């Protein structure tokens, strides 16, 4: 019984680390995309004529 709990804790810890890494990578990617799209918006506002 204790061995089963020990193995389950190992799997749970590994999944937690994996989800953490995925979250960090996704956050960085979203930040880069926001910066790029913001730059495009700022550069294209010069072409607007009222």
N, C-alpha and C. Protein backbone atom coordinates (compact mmCIF):
# COMPACT_ATOMS: atom_id res chain seq x y z
N UNK A 1 0.82 -1.19 0.00
CA UNK A 1 0.00 0.00 0.00
C UNK A 1 0.87 1.26 0.00
N UNK A 2 1.88 1.30 0.87
CA UNK A 2 2.73 2.47 0.96
C UNK A 2 3.54 2.66 -0.32
N UNK A 3 3.88 1.55 -0.96
CA UNK A 3 4.64 1.63 -2.21
C UNK A 3 3.79 2.26 -3.31
N UNK A 4 2.51 1.94 -3.32
CA UNK A 4 1.59 2.50 -4.32
C UNK A 4 1.46 4.01 -4.13
N UNK A 5 1.36 4.45 -2.90
CA UNK A 5 1.25 5.88 -2.60
C UNK A 5 2.54 6.58 -3.01
N UNK A 6 3.67 5.96 -2.75
CA UNK A 6 4.97 6.54 -3.10
C UNK A 6 5.08 6.73 -4.61
N UNK A 7 4.68 5.73 -5.39
CA UNK A 7 4.72 5.84 -6.85
C UNK A 7 3.75 6.91 -7.35
N UNK A 8 2.57 6.97 -6.75
CA UNK A 8 1.57 7.95 -7.16
C UNK A 8 2.07 9.37 -6.89
N UNK A 9 2.76 9.57 -5.78
CA UNK A 9 3.32 10.88 -5.49
C UNK A 9 4.39 11.27 -6.51
N UNK A 10 5.16 10.30 -6.96
CA UNK A 10 6.17 10.56 -7.99
C UNK A 10 5.54 10.99 -9.30
N UNK A 11 4.48 10.30 -9.70
CA UNK A 11 3.78 10.64 -10.93
C UNK A 11 3.13 12.02 -10.81
N UNK A 12 2.54 12.27 -9.69
CA UNK A 12 1.89 13.56 -9.45
C UNK A 12 2.91 14.70 -9.48
N UNK A 13 4.04 14.50 -8.88
CA UNK A 13 5.09 15.53 -8.90
C UNK A 13 5.62 15.78 -10.29
N UNK A 14 5.81 14.73 -11.06
CA UNK A 14 6.31 14.88 -12.43
C UNK A 14 5.30 15.62 -13.30
N UNK A 15 4.02 15.30 -13.15
CA UNK A 15 2.99 16.01 -13.92
C UNK A 15 2.92 17.47 -13.53
N UNK A 16 3.09 17.74 -12.26
CA UNK A 16 3.06 19.12 -11.79
C UNK A 16 4.20 19.93 -12.39
N UNK A 17 5.37 19.36 -12.43
CA UNK A 17 6.53 20.03 -13.03
C UNK A 17 6.30 20.24 -14.53
N UNK A 18 5.77 19.23 -15.21
CA UNK A 18 5.52 19.33 -16.64
C UNK A 18 4.51 20.44 -16.94
N UNK A 19 3.42 20.49 -16.19
CA UNK A 19 2.42 21.54 -16.40
C UNK A 19 3.00 22.92 -16.09
N UNK A 20 3.87 23.01 -15.11
CA UNK A 20 4.52 24.28 -14.79
C UNK A 20 5.38 24.78 -15.94
N UNK A 21 6.16 23.87 -16.53
CA UNK A 21 7.02 24.24 -17.65
C UNK A 21 6.17 24.66 -18.84
N UNK A 22 5.10 23.92 -19.11
CA UNK A 22 4.21 24.27 -20.22
C UNK A 22 3.58 25.63 -20.00
N UNK A 23 3.19 25.93 -18.78
CA UNK A 23 2.59 27.22 -18.46
C UNK A 23 3.58 28.36 -18.67
N UNK A 24 4.82 28.17 -18.28
CA UNK A 24 5.84 29.20 -18.46
C UNK A 24 6.08 29.45 -19.94
N UNK A 25 6.21 28.38 -20.73
CA UNK A 25 6.45 28.52 -22.17
C UNK A 25 5.28 29.22 -22.84
N UNK A 26 4.06 28.83 -22.48
CA UNK A 26 2.87 29.45 -23.07
C UNK A 26 2.79 30.92 -22.69
N UNK A 27 3.14 31.27 -21.46
CA UNK A 27 3.11 32.66 -21.02
C UNK A 27 4.12 33.51 -21.77
N UNK A 28 5.31 32.98 -21.98
CA UNK A 28 6.33 33.72 -22.74
C UNK A 28 5.90 33.91 -24.18
N UNK A 29 5.33 32.86 -24.78
CA UNK A 29 4.87 32.96 -26.17
C UNK A 29 3.76 34.00 -26.30
N UNK A 30 2.83 34.01 -25.38
CA UNK A 30 1.75 34.99 -25.43
C UNK A 30 2.29 36.41 -25.25
N UNK A 31 3.25 36.58 -24.38
CA UNK A 31 3.85 37.90 -24.18
C UNK A 31 4.52 38.41 -25.44
N UNK A 32 5.26 37.54 -26.11
CA UNK A 32 5.92 37.93 -27.36
C UNK A 32 4.88 38.29 -28.41
N UNK A 33 3.83 37.49 -28.52
CA UNK A 33 2.79 37.79 -29.51
C UNK A 33 2.11 39.12 -29.22
N UNK A 34 1.86 39.43 -27.95
CA UNK A 34 1.25 40.71 -27.59
C UNK A 34 2.15 41.89 -27.93
N UNK A 35 3.44 41.75 -27.69
CA UNK A 35 4.38 42.82 -28.01
C UNK A 35 4.45 43.05 -29.51
N UNK A 36 4.49 41.97 -30.29
CA UNK A 36 4.56 42.09 -31.75
C UNK A 36 3.29 42.73 -32.29
N UNK A 37 2.13 42.28 -31.83
CA UNK A 37 0.89 42.85 -32.34
C UNK A 37 0.72 44.30 -31.91
N UNK A 38 1.17 44.65 -30.73
CA UNK A 38 1.13 46.04 -30.29
C UNK A 38 2.02 46.93 -31.14
N UNK A 39 3.19 46.43 -31.48
CA UNK A 39 4.09 47.17 -32.36
C UNK A 39 3.49 47.39 -33.74
N UNK A 40 2.83 46.36 -34.26
CA UNK A 40 2.18 46.51 -35.57
C UNK A 40 1.06 47.54 -35.51
N UNK A 41 0.28 47.54 -34.43
CA UNK A 41 -0.79 48.53 -34.28
C UNK A 41 -0.22 49.95 -34.21
N UNK A 42 0.84 50.11 -33.46
CA UNK A 42 1.44 51.44 -33.34
C UNK A 42 2.01 51.91 -34.66
N UNK A 43 2.62 51.02 -35.43
CA UNK A 43 3.19 51.43 -36.71
C UNK A 43 2.12 51.69 -37.76
N UNK A 44 0.98 51.04 -37.66
CA UNK A 44 -0.06 51.22 -38.67
C UNK A 44 -0.96 52.42 -38.37
N UNK A 45 -0.88 52.98 -37.19
CA UNK A 45 -1.75 54.12 -36.88
C UNK A 45 -1.33 55.37 -37.64
N UNK A 46 -0.12 55.41 -38.19
CA UNK A 46 0.34 56.54 -38.98
C UNK A 46 -0.40 56.63 -40.31
N UNK A 47 -0.89 55.51 -40.78
CA UNK A 47 -1.55 55.46 -42.10
C UNK A 47 -3.03 55.80 -42.04
N UNK A 48 -3.56 56.06 -40.86
CA UNK A 48 -4.98 56.38 -40.73
C UNK A 48 -5.18 57.86 -41.01
N UNK A 49 -6.13 58.15 -41.91
CA UNK A 49 -6.43 59.53 -42.25
C UNK A 49 -7.85 59.82 -41.81
N UNK A 50 -8.03 60.91 -41.05
CA UNK A 50 -9.36 61.28 -40.57
C UNK A 50 -9.97 62.32 -41.47
